[in-house]
């Protein structure tokens, strides 16, 4: 099982990676969806934390792309957007777990447990 972080904000990306390492996980982090997809091929045993507001390929597009795979990874959406904005952007994204910014580290552990 691998854990990936796709987040353009360096401070948030580094904080997520730190929280995950504190949970004895070894995350691999990316600033863009394009970099992530170029280097990784996640599958059902993996978990991908995705910021919705990514430059280039949006987080919502990345979620939809991953959901279309034969054996999609678990997805946790990380966002500070309103629920109505998320509903519009993620209408085809399936039942991904949403982690709202700002959050406490224990919320990340709970989101990891909920992701399917």
N, C-alpha and C. Protein backbone atom coordinates (compact mmCIF):
# COMPACT_ATOMS: atom_id res chain seq x y z
N UNK A 1 0.84 -1.19 0.00
CA UNK A 1 0.00 0.00 0.00
C UNK A 1 0.88 1.24 0.00
N UNK A 2 0.57 2.16 -0.91
CA UNK A 2 1.27 3.44 -0.98
C UNK A 2 0.28 4.56 -0.68
N UNK A 3 0.82 5.66 -0.15
CA UNK A 3 0.01 6.84 0.12
C UNK A 3 0.64 7.99 -0.65
N UNK A 4 -0.20 8.69 -1.42
CA UNK A 4 0.26 9.80 -2.23
C UNK A 4 -0.48 11.06 -1.82
N UNK A 5 0.22 12.20 -1.91
CA UNK A 5 -0.37 13.51 -1.64
C UNK A 5 -0.21 14.33 -2.91
N UNK A 6 -1.31 14.89 -3.41
CA UNK A 6 -1.26 15.78 -4.57
C UNK A 6 -1.84 17.11 -4.11
N UNK A 7 -0.95 18.07 -3.84
CA UNK A 7 -1.32 19.36 -3.23
C UNK A 7 -0.35 20.40 -3.73
N UNK A 8 -0.85 21.49 -4.31
CA UNK A 8 0.02 22.52 -4.87
C UNK A 8 0.60 23.45 -3.82
N UNK A 9 -0.05 23.63 -2.70
CA UNK A 9 0.46 24.50 -1.64
C UNK A 9 1.55 23.77 -0.88
N UNK A 10 2.77 24.27 -0.99
CA UNK A 10 3.93 23.59 -0.42
C UNK A 10 3.78 23.35 1.09
N UNK A 11 3.31 24.35 1.81
CA UNK A 11 3.17 24.21 3.27
C UNK A 11 2.16 23.12 3.62
N UNK A 12 1.04 23.09 2.91
CA UNK A 12 0.02 22.07 3.17
C UNK A 12 0.55 20.70 2.77
N UNK A 13 1.21 20.62 1.61
CA UNK A 13 1.78 19.36 1.13
C UNK A 13 2.77 18.80 2.15
N UNK A 14 3.66 19.65 2.65
CA UNK A 14 4.65 19.20 3.63
C UNK A 14 3.99 18.82 4.95
N UNK A 15 2.96 19.55 5.36
CA UNK A 15 2.25 19.21 6.61
C UNK A 15 1.54 17.87 6.49
N UNK A 16 0.88 17.64 5.36
CA UNK A 16 0.21 16.36 5.15
C UNK A 16 1.23 15.22 5.18
N UNK A 17 2.34 15.41 4.51
CA UNK A 17 3.38 14.38 4.50
C UNK A 17 3.91 14.13 5.91
N UNK A 18 4.09 15.18 6.68
CA UNK A 18 4.56 15.04 8.06
C UNK A 18 3.56 14.26 8.90
N UNK A 19 2.28 14.63 8.81
CA UNK A 19 1.24 13.91 9.55
C UNK A 19 1.24 12.43 9.18
N UNK A 20 1.36 12.15 7.90
CA UNK A 20 1.34 10.75 7.44
C UNK A 20 2.57 9.98 7.94
N UNK A 21 3.73 10.63 7.94
CA UNK A 21 4.93 9.97 8.47
C UNK A 21 4.79 9.70 9.97
N UNK A 22 4.10 10.59 10.69
CA UNK A 22 3.87 10.37 12.11
C UNK A 22 2.95 9.18 12.35
N UNK A 23 2.22 8.78 11.32
CA UNK A 23 1.36 7.59 11.39
C UNK A 23 2.08 6.36 10.85
N UNK A 24 3.40 6.46 10.73
CA UNK A 24 4.24 5.38 10.22
C UNK A 24 3.94 5.01 8.77
N UNK A 25 3.51 5.98 7.99
CA UNK A 25 3.32 5.80 6.55
C UNK A 25 4.46 6.52 5.82
N UNK A 26 4.68 6.15 4.59
CA UNK A 26 5.74 6.77 3.79
C UNK A 26 5.12 7.44 2.56
N UNK A 27 4.58 8.64 2.73
CA UNK A 27 3.90 9.29 1.61
C UNK A 27 4.87 9.78 0.55
N UNK A 28 4.37 9.85 -0.67
CA UNK A 28 5.09 10.46 -1.77
C UNK A 28 4.22 11.63 -2.21
N UNK A 29 4.80 12.83 -2.27
CA UNK A 29 4.01 14.04 -2.51
C UNK A 29 4.34 14.68 -3.85
N UNK A 30 3.30 15.27 -4.44
CA UNK A 30 3.40 15.93 -5.74
C UNK A 30 2.68 17.27 -5.70
N UNK A 31 3.20 18.24 -6.47
CA UNK A 31 2.58 19.56 -6.53
C UNK A 31 1.50 19.66 -7.59
N UNK A 32 1.52 18.76 -8.58
CA UNK A 32 0.52 18.81 -9.66
C UNK A 32 0.01 17.41 -9.97
N UNK A 33 -1.20 17.37 -10.52
CA UNK A 33 -1.79 16.10 -10.96
C UNK A 33 -0.97 15.50 -12.09
N UNK A 34 -0.48 16.36 -12.97
CA UNK A 34 0.30 15.88 -14.11
C UNK A 34 1.57 15.17 -13.66
N UNK A 35 2.28 15.76 -12.69
CA UNK A 35 3.50 15.11 -12.16
C UNK A 35 3.16 13.77 -11.53
N UNK A 36 2.09 13.75 -10.76
CA UNK A 36 1.65 12.51 -10.10
C UNK A 36 1.37 11.42 -11.12
N UNK A 37 0.57 11.74 -12.13
CA UNK A 37 0.19 10.73 -13.13
C UNK A 37 1.37 10.29 -13.98
N UNK A 38 2.32 11.18 -14.21
CA UNK A 38 3.52 10.82 -14.97
C UNK A 38 4.38 9.80 -14.24
N UNK A 39 4.40 9.89 -12.90
CA UNK A 39 5.31 9.07 -12.12
C UNK A 39 4.65 7.89 -11.41
N UNK A 40 3.34 7.90 -11.25
CA UNK A 40 2.67 6.86 -10.47
C UNK A 40 1.53 6.21 -11.23
N UNK A 41 1.22 4.99 -10.83
CA UNK A 41 0.08 4.26 -11.37
C UNK A 41 -0.66 3.63 -10.18
N UNK A 42 -1.39 4.46 -9.40
CA UNK A 42 -2.01 3.94 -8.18
C UNK A 42 -3.11 2.93 -8.49
N UNK A 43 -3.32 2.02 -7.54
CA UNK A 43 -4.34 0.98 -7.69
C UNK A 43 -5.13 0.86 -6.38
N UNK A 44 -5.98 -0.12 -6.29
CA UNK A 44 -6.93 -0.27 -5.19
C UNK A 44 -6.37 -0.33 -3.79
N UNK A 45 -5.14 -0.74 -3.64
CA UNK A 45 -4.53 -0.81 -2.31
C UNK A 45 -3.94 0.54 -1.87
N UNK A 46 -3.84 1.47 -2.81
CA UNK A 46 -3.22 2.77 -2.53
C UNK A 46 -4.26 3.78 -2.08
N UNK A 47 -3.77 4.85 -1.45
CA UNK A 47 -4.62 5.98 -1.07
C UNK A 47 -4.00 7.25 -1.64
N UNK A 48 -4.85 8.10 -2.23
CA UNK A 48 -4.39 9.36 -2.81
C UNK A 48 -5.15 10.51 -2.16
N UNK A 49 -4.43 11.42 -1.53
CA UNK A 49 -5.01 12.64 -0.97
C UNK A 49 -4.89 13.71 -2.04
N UNK A 50 -6.00 14.30 -2.44
CA UNK A 50 -6.02 15.22 -3.58
C UNK A 50 -6.65 16.55 -3.19
N UNK A 51 -5.89 17.62 -3.42
CA UNK A 51 -6.44 18.97 -3.28
C UNK A 51 -7.29 19.26 -4.50
N UNK A 52 -8.48 19.79 -4.32
CA UNK A 52 -9.36 20.08 -5.44
C UNK A 52 -8.86 21.26 -6.26
N UNK A 53 -8.25 22.25 -5.62
CA UNK A 53 -7.82 23.46 -6.32
C UNK A 53 -6.42 23.37 -6.89
N UNK A 54 -6.14 22.38 -7.71
CA UNK A 54 -4.82 22.23 -8.32
C UNK A 54 -4.72 23.07 -9.58
N UNK A 55 -3.50 23.56 -9.90
CA UNK A 55 -3.30 24.24 -11.18
C UNK A 55 -3.23 23.20 -12.31
N UNK A 56 -3.49 23.61 -13.53
CA UNK A 56 -3.46 22.65 -14.64
C UNK A 56 -4.65 21.71 -14.52
N UNK A 57 -4.37 20.41 -14.51
CA UNK A 57 -5.44 19.43 -14.30
C UNK A 57 -5.98 19.61 -12.88
N UNK A 58 -7.25 19.91 -12.76
CA UNK A 58 -7.83 20.17 -11.44
C UNK A 58 -7.89 18.89 -10.61
N UNK A 59 -8.06 19.07 -9.33
CA UNK A 59 -8.22 17.93 -8.45
C UNK A 59 -9.47 17.12 -8.79
N UNK A 60 -10.54 17.82 -9.17
CA UNK A 60 -11.77 17.13 -9.56
C UNK A 60 -11.54 16.26 -10.80
N UNK A 61 -10.77 16.78 -11.76
CA UNK A 61 -10.45 16.00 -12.96
C UNK A 61 -9.61 14.78 -12.60
N UNK A 62 -8.67 14.97 -11.68
CA UNK A 62 -7.83 13.85 -11.25
C UNK A 62 -8.68 12.79 -10.56
N UNK A 63 -9.59 13.22 -9.71
CA UNK A 63 -10.48 12.27 -9.02
C UNK A 63 -11.28 11.47 -10.04
N UNK A 64 -11.88 12.16 -11.01
CA UNK A 64 -12.67 11.47 -12.04
C UNK A 64 -11.80 10.49 -12.84
N UNK A 65 -10.59 10.91 -13.18
CA UNK A 65 -9.67 10.04 -13.93
C UNK A 65 -9.33 8.79 -13.14
N UNK A 66 -9.04 8.95 -11.87
CA UNK A 66 -8.68 7.79 -11.04
C UNK A 66 -9.89 6.87 -10.83
N UNK A 67 -11.08 7.46 -10.69
CA UNK A 67 -12.30 6.66 -10.48
C UNK A 67 -12.65 5.79 -11.68
N UNK A 68 -12.19 6.19 -12.86
CA UNK A 68 -12.49 5.43 -14.08
C UNK A 68 -11.60 4.21 -14.27
N UNK A 69 -10.59 4.08 -13.44
CA UNK A 69 -9.69 2.94 -13.57
C UNK A 69 -10.37 1.65 -13.16
N UNK A 70 -9.86 0.56 -13.67
CA UNK A 70 -10.43 -0.76 -13.35
C UNK A 70 -10.33 -1.06 -11.86
N UNK A 71 -9.22 -0.71 -11.24
CA UNK A 71 -8.99 -0.95 -9.81
C UNK A 71 -8.56 0.37 -9.18
N UNK A 72 -9.53 1.30 -8.95
CA UNK A 72 -9.17 2.64 -8.50
C UNK A 72 -8.62 2.67 -7.08
N UNK A 73 -7.74 3.63 -6.82
CA UNK A 73 -7.23 3.79 -5.45
C UNK A 73 -8.29 4.41 -4.55
N UNK A 74 -8.04 4.36 -3.25
CA UNK A 74 -8.88 5.07 -2.30
C UNK A 74 -8.55 6.55 -2.45
N UNK A 75 -9.55 7.40 -2.33
CA UNK A 75 -9.35 8.83 -2.55
C UNK A 75 -9.85 9.62 -1.35
N UNK A 76 -9.01 10.55 -0.92
CA UNK A 76 -9.39 11.52 0.12
C UNK A 76 -9.23 12.89 -0.51
N UNK A 77 -10.31 13.64 -0.53
CA UNK A 77 -10.28 14.99 -1.09
C UNK A 77 -9.97 15.96 0.03
N UNK A 78 -9.00 16.83 -0.23
CA UNK A 78 -8.59 17.84 0.74
C UNK A 78 -9.00 19.19 0.15
N UNK A 79 -9.84 19.94 0.88
CA UNK A 79 -10.32 21.20 0.32
C UNK A 79 -10.77 22.17 1.40
N UNK A 80 -10.62 23.44 1.08
CA UNK A 80 -11.16 24.50 1.92
C UNK A 80 -12.39 25.13 1.29
N UNK A 81 -12.84 24.58 0.15
CA UNK A 81 -13.99 25.12 -0.57
C UNK A 81 -15.29 24.81 0.16
N UNK A 82 -16.31 25.59 -0.17
CA UNK A 82 -17.64 25.38 0.42
C UNK A 82 -18.22 24.05 -0.07
N UNK A 83 -19.19 23.54 0.67
CA UNK A 83 -19.82 22.28 0.28
C UNK A 83 -20.51 22.39 -1.08
N UNK A 84 -21.15 23.52 -1.36
CA UNK A 84 -21.82 23.66 -2.65
C UNK A 84 -20.83 23.68 -3.80
N UNK A 85 -19.67 24.31 -3.62
CA UNK A 85 -18.63 24.30 -4.65
C UNK A 85 -18.10 22.89 -4.86
N UNK A 86 -17.90 22.17 -3.77
CA UNK A 86 -17.43 20.78 -3.88
C UNK A 86 -18.47 19.91 -4.59
N UNK A 87 -19.73 20.09 -4.26
CA UNK A 87 -20.79 19.31 -4.91
C UNK A 87 -20.78 19.53 -6.41
N UNK A 88 -20.60 20.78 -6.85
CA UNK A 88 -20.57 21.07 -8.29
C UNK A 88 -19.35 20.42 -8.95
N UNK A 89 -18.19 20.56 -8.33
CA UNK A 89 -16.95 20.06 -8.93
C UNK A 89 -16.85 18.54 -8.89
N UNK A 90 -17.48 17.92 -7.92
CA UNK A 90 -17.28 16.48 -7.71
C UNK A 90 -18.50 15.65 -8.05
N UNK A 91 -19.40 16.18 -8.84
CA UNK A 91 -20.64 15.46 -9.13
C UNK A 91 -20.41 14.07 -9.71
N UNK A 92 -19.31 13.85 -10.39
CA UNK A 92 -19.02 12.54 -10.98
C UNK A 92 -17.90 11.81 -10.26
N UNK A 93 -17.53 12.27 -9.08
CA UNK A 93 -16.34 11.75 -8.40
C UNK A 93 -16.60 10.53 -7.53
N UNK A 94 -17.83 10.13 -7.38
CA UNK A 94 -18.09 8.97 -6.52
C UNK A 94 -18.17 9.35 -5.06
N UNK A 95 -17.85 8.42 -4.22
CA UNK A 95 -18.04 8.62 -2.77
C UNK A 95 -16.72 8.85 -2.04
N UNK A 96 -15.88 9.70 -2.59
CA UNK A 96 -14.60 9.98 -1.95
C UNK A 96 -14.80 10.63 -0.58
N UNK A 97 -13.90 10.37 0.33
CA UNK A 97 -13.90 11.00 1.65
C UNK A 97 -13.41 12.44 1.48
N UNK A 98 -14.05 13.38 2.17
CA UNK A 98 -13.65 14.79 2.08
C UNK A 98 -13.07 15.23 3.41
N UNK A 99 -11.88 15.80 3.36
CA UNK A 99 -11.20 16.33 4.53
C UNK A 99 -11.15 17.84 4.35
N UNK A 100 -11.87 18.57 5.21
CA UNK A 100 -11.99 20.03 5.06
C UNK A 100 -10.86 20.75 5.78
N UNK A 101 -10.21 21.68 5.05
CA UNK A 101 -9.16 22.53 5.62
C UNK A 101 -9.81 23.64 6.43
N UNK A 102 -9.21 24.06 7.51
CA UNK A 102 -8.10 23.43 8.22
C UNK A 102 -8.59 22.25 9.04
N UNK A 103 -7.71 21.34 9.34
CA UNK A 103 -8.10 20.16 10.10
C UNK A 103 -6.98 19.77 11.06
N UNK A 104 -7.35 18.97 12.03
CA UNK A 104 -6.40 18.46 13.02
C UNK A 104 -5.84 17.13 12.52
N UNK A 105 -4.65 16.75 12.96
CA UNK A 105 -4.05 15.49 12.52
C UNK A 105 -4.93 14.27 12.76
N UNK A 106 -5.70 14.25 13.85
CA UNK A 106 -6.56 13.08 14.09
C UNK A 106 -7.66 12.96 13.05
N UNK A 107 -8.05 14.07 12.41
CA UNK A 107 -9.03 14.02 11.32
C UNK A 107 -8.45 13.29 10.12
N UNK A 108 -7.15 13.43 9.90
CA UNK A 108 -6.50 12.72 8.80
C UNK A 108 -6.52 11.23 9.05
N UNK A 109 -6.25 10.82 10.26
CA UNK A 109 -6.29 9.39 10.61
C UNK A 109 -7.70 8.83 10.40
N UNK A 110 -8.70 9.60 10.78
CA UNK A 110 -10.08 9.16 10.59
C UNK A 110 -10.42 9.06 9.10
N UNK A 111 -9.98 10.04 8.31
CA UNK A 111 -10.24 10.01 6.87
C UNK A 111 -9.57 8.80 6.22
N UNK A 112 -8.36 8.46 6.65
CA UNK A 112 -7.68 7.30 6.12
C UNK A 112 -8.45 6.02 6.43
N UNK A 113 -9.02 5.95 7.62
CA UNK A 113 -9.79 4.77 8.01
C UNK A 113 -11.10 4.67 7.22
N UNK A 114 -11.68 5.82 6.86
CA UNK A 114 -12.96 5.83 6.13
C UNK A 114 -12.79 5.58 4.65
N UNK A 115 -11.64 5.92 4.09
CA UNK A 115 -11.45 5.81 2.63
C UNK A 115 -11.63 4.35 2.20
N UNK A 116 -12.35 4.17 1.10
CA UNK A 116 -12.55 2.83 0.59
C UNK A 116 -12.11 2.72 -0.84
